[in-house]
Protein backbone atom coordinates (compact mmCIF):
# COMPACT_ATOMS: atom_id res chain seq x y z
CA UNK A 1 -29.80 106.55 102.52
CA UNK A 2 -31.09 103.25 101.37
CA UNK A 3 -31.91 102.57 97.74
CA UNK A 4 -35.47 101.54 97.18
CA UNK A 5 -34.87 99.81 93.89
CA UNK A 6 -32.66 96.77 93.31
CA UNK A 7 -31.04 95.87 90.00
CA UNK A 8 -32.67 92.50 89.49
CA UNK A 9 -34.52 93.30 86.23
CA UNK A 10 -31.33 93.50 84.19
CA UNK A 11 -31.28 89.78 83.32
CA UNK A 12 -34.83 89.77 81.98
CA UNK A 13 -34.09 92.77 79.76
CA UNK A 14 -31.07 91.06 78.18
CA UNK A 15 -32.99 87.83 77.48
CA UNK A 16 -34.74 89.17 74.36
CA UNK A 17 -31.61 90.07 72.36
CA UNK A 18 -29.89 86.91 73.57
CA UNK A 19 -32.79 84.74 72.36
CA UNK A 20 -32.71 86.52 69.00
CA UNK A 21 -29.02 85.75 68.60
CA UNK A 22 -29.40 82.15 69.76
CA UNK A 23 -32.48 81.27 67.71
CA UNK A 24 -32.13 83.26 64.49
CA UNK A 25 -28.38 83.31 64.08
CA UNK A 26 -27.33 79.98 65.62
CA UNK A 27 -30.11 77.42 66.22
CA UNK A 28 -32.10 77.54 62.97
CA UNK A 29 -29.04 77.67 60.65
CA UNK A 30 -27.54 74.76 62.59
CA UNK A 31 -30.79 72.83 62.16
CA UNK A 32 -30.60 73.54 58.42
CA UNK A 33 -27.00 72.28 58.29
CA UNK A 34 -27.99 69.05 60.04
CA UNK A 35 -30.83 68.58 57.54
CA UNK A 36 -28.39 69.13 54.64
CA UNK A 37 -26.17 66.39 56.05
CA UNK A 38 -29.16 64.06 56.25
CA UNK A 39 -30.17 64.89 52.66
CA UNK A 40 -26.61 64.28 51.46
CA UNK A 41 -26.53 60.86 53.15
CA UNK A 42 -29.93 59.89 51.69
CA UNK A 43 -28.79 60.88 48.19
CA UNK A 44 -25.59 58.87 48.60
CA UNK A 45 -27.62 55.85 49.72
CA UNK A 46 -29.89 56.13 46.65
CA UNK A 47 -26.84 56.37 44.37
CA UNK A 48 -25.19 53.38 46.03
CA UNK A 49 -28.31 51.21 45.69
CA UNK A 50 -28.87 52.23 42.05
CA UNK A 51 -25.24 51.50 41.10
CA UNK A 52 -25.39 48.11 42.81
CA UNK A 53 -28.60 47.14 40.97
CA UNK A 54 -27.16 48.29 37.63
CA UNK A 55 -23.99 46.27 38.20
CA UNK A 56 -25.88 43.01 38.81
CA UNK A 57 -28.50 43.48 36.06
CA UNK A 58 -28.36 42.87 32.34
CA UNK A 59 -28.22 45.92 30.07
CA UNK A 60 -31.77 45.41 28.80
CA UNK A 61 -33.13 45.36 32.39
CA UNK A 62 -31.52 48.55 33.67
CA UNK A 63 -34.66 50.71 33.61
CA UNK A 64 -36.57 47.94 35.40
CA UNK A 65 -33.81 47.76 38.03
CA UNK A 66 -33.93 51.53 38.55
CA UNK A 67 -37.75 51.37 38.86
CA UNK A 68 -37.35 48.77 41.60
CA UNK A 69 -34.71 50.82 43.42
CA UNK A 70 -36.92 53.91 43.29
CA UNK A 71 -39.94 51.93 44.53
CA UNK A 72 -38.01 50.47 47.47
CA UNK A 73 -36.54 53.87 48.28
CA UNK A 74 -40.00 55.51 48.25
CA UNK A 75 -41.41 52.79 50.53
CA UNK A 76 -38.85 53.61 53.24
CA UNK A 77 -40.25 57.13 53.64
CA UNK A 78 -36.80 58.69 53.34
CA UNK A 79 -37.65 60.99 50.39
CA UNK A 80 -40.49 62.70 52.27
CA UNK A 81 -38.46 62.97 55.46
CA UNK A 82 -35.45 64.43 53.64
CA UNK A 83 -37.58 66.81 51.51
CA UNK A 84 -36.37 65.34 48.19
CA UNK A 85 -38.10 66.92 45.21
CA UNK A 86 -36.68 65.22 42.12
CA UNK A 87 -33.57 63.67 40.66
CA UNK A 88 -31.91 61.84 37.81
CA UNK A 89 -29.75 58.78 37.31
CA UNK A 90 -27.36 59.11 34.37
CA UNK A 91 -25.81 55.74 33.67
CA UNK A 92 -23.18 54.56 31.22
CA UNK A 93 -22.06 51.04 30.43
CA UNK A 94 -18.35 50.76 29.67
CA UNK A 95 -17.62 47.46 27.90
CA UNK A 96 -14.71 45.27 28.83
CA UNK A 97 -12.08 44.23 26.32
CA UNK A 98 -10.83 40.88 25.07
CA UNK A 99 -7.72 41.03 27.24
CA UNK A 100 -9.72 40.50 30.41
CA UNK A 101 -10.63 43.94 31.63
CA UNK A 102 -14.16 43.63 33.02
CA UNK A 103 -16.97 45.90 31.96
CA UNK A 104 -18.02 48.66 34.31
CA UNK A 105 -21.06 50.74 35.15
CA UNK A 106 -20.81 54.50 35.69
CA UNK A 107 -23.75 56.01 37.53
CA UNK A 108 -24.27 59.67 38.36
CA UNK A 109 -27.19 60.51 40.62
CA UNK A 110 -28.35 64.10 41.07
CA UNK A 111 -30.92 64.74 43.81
CA UNK A 112 -32.77 68.04 44.29
CA UNK A 113 -33.83 68.78 47.87
CA UNK A 114 -35.83 71.56 49.51
CA UNK A 115 -34.43 73.33 52.55
CA UNK A 116 -35.64 72.04 55.89
CA UNK A 117 -36.40 75.57 57.08
CA UNK A 118 -36.69 78.57 54.78
CA UNK A 119 -34.65 81.34 56.36
CA UNK A 120 -35.42 84.67 54.68
CA UNK A 121 -32.34 86.41 53.34
CA UNK A 122 -31.75 89.27 50.95
CA UNK A 123 -29.80 87.11 48.50
CA UNK A 124 -30.48 83.57 47.21
CA UNK A 125 -28.60 80.88 49.08
CA UNK A 126 -29.03 77.15 48.20
CA UNK A 127 -30.03 75.16 51.24
CA UNK A 128 -31.22 78.19 53.16
CA UNK A 129 -33.88 79.76 50.93
CA UNK A 130 -33.51 77.85 47.63
CA UNK A 131 -33.52 74.21 46.53
CA UNK A 132 -30.12 72.54 46.45
CA UNK A 133 -28.72 69.78 44.25
CA UNK A 134 -26.43 67.01 45.45
CA UNK A 135 -24.60 64.99 42.80
CA UNK A 136 -22.88 61.62 43.29
CA UNK A 137 -20.83 59.56 40.82
CA UNK A 138 -20.00 55.89 41.32
CA UNK A 139 -18.20 53.31 39.18
CA UNK A 140 -18.79 49.60 39.76
CA UNK A 141 -17.73 46.40 38.02
CA UNK A 142 -20.43 45.12 35.71
CA UNK A 143 -20.95 41.63 37.15
CA UNK A 144 -23.34 40.36 34.44
CA UNK A 145 -21.17 41.55 31.53
CA UNK A 146 -21.32 39.11 28.60
CA UNK A 147 -18.56 39.41 25.96
CA UNK A 148 -20.45 37.20 23.53
CA UNK A 149 -23.44 39.56 23.37
CA UNK A 150 -22.74 42.19 20.67
CA UNK A 151 -25.02 44.79 22.30
CA UNK A 152 -22.78 44.77 25.39
CA UNK A 153 -19.66 45.55 23.36
CA UNK A 154 -20.59 49.20 22.71
CA UNK A 155 -20.82 51.99 25.21
CA UNK A 156 -24.42 52.75 26.11
CA UNK A 157 -25.76 55.76 28.02
CA UNK A 158 -29.14 56.64 29.40
CA UNK A 159 -30.96 58.88 31.84
CA UNK A 160 -33.65 57.92 34.31
CA UNK A 161 -35.55 60.83 35.85
CA UNK A 162 -37.76 60.63 38.93
CA UNK A 163 -39.91 62.98 40.98
CA UNK A 164 -41.51 62.76 44.38
């Protein structure tokens, strides 16, 4: 007796659950992880540029230098591409001493980014369904440090906030 029906429909039936597993559990979270790596790199780049500009600028011109860095960074289009929402630069000038230790600039940049894809979950998870914050700290030699200027001989701190 010959069977009238062949078992060829089995593969099409298993495609639905397999696509669910591939897309929801693997592909979209992996895409979010790649976006987090991109956002981390963009935040590091912003911190590096801000620290460099602070290290080559005079103390009185630091807010102007950070305005220029932010303007150049916005013109590249990176903040919109990386879904950056806001951030802060917290900078501190550490004066040198009379022995010969050079002055230094400490800069901490915190960048808040939105997730690339919102994946609904039952609990809050930064980077998946909540904003996440990346923080970077860099120390550089203050190249324009002037020992004869009395305002440079005290430690000065400040915060520069920005939004997109």
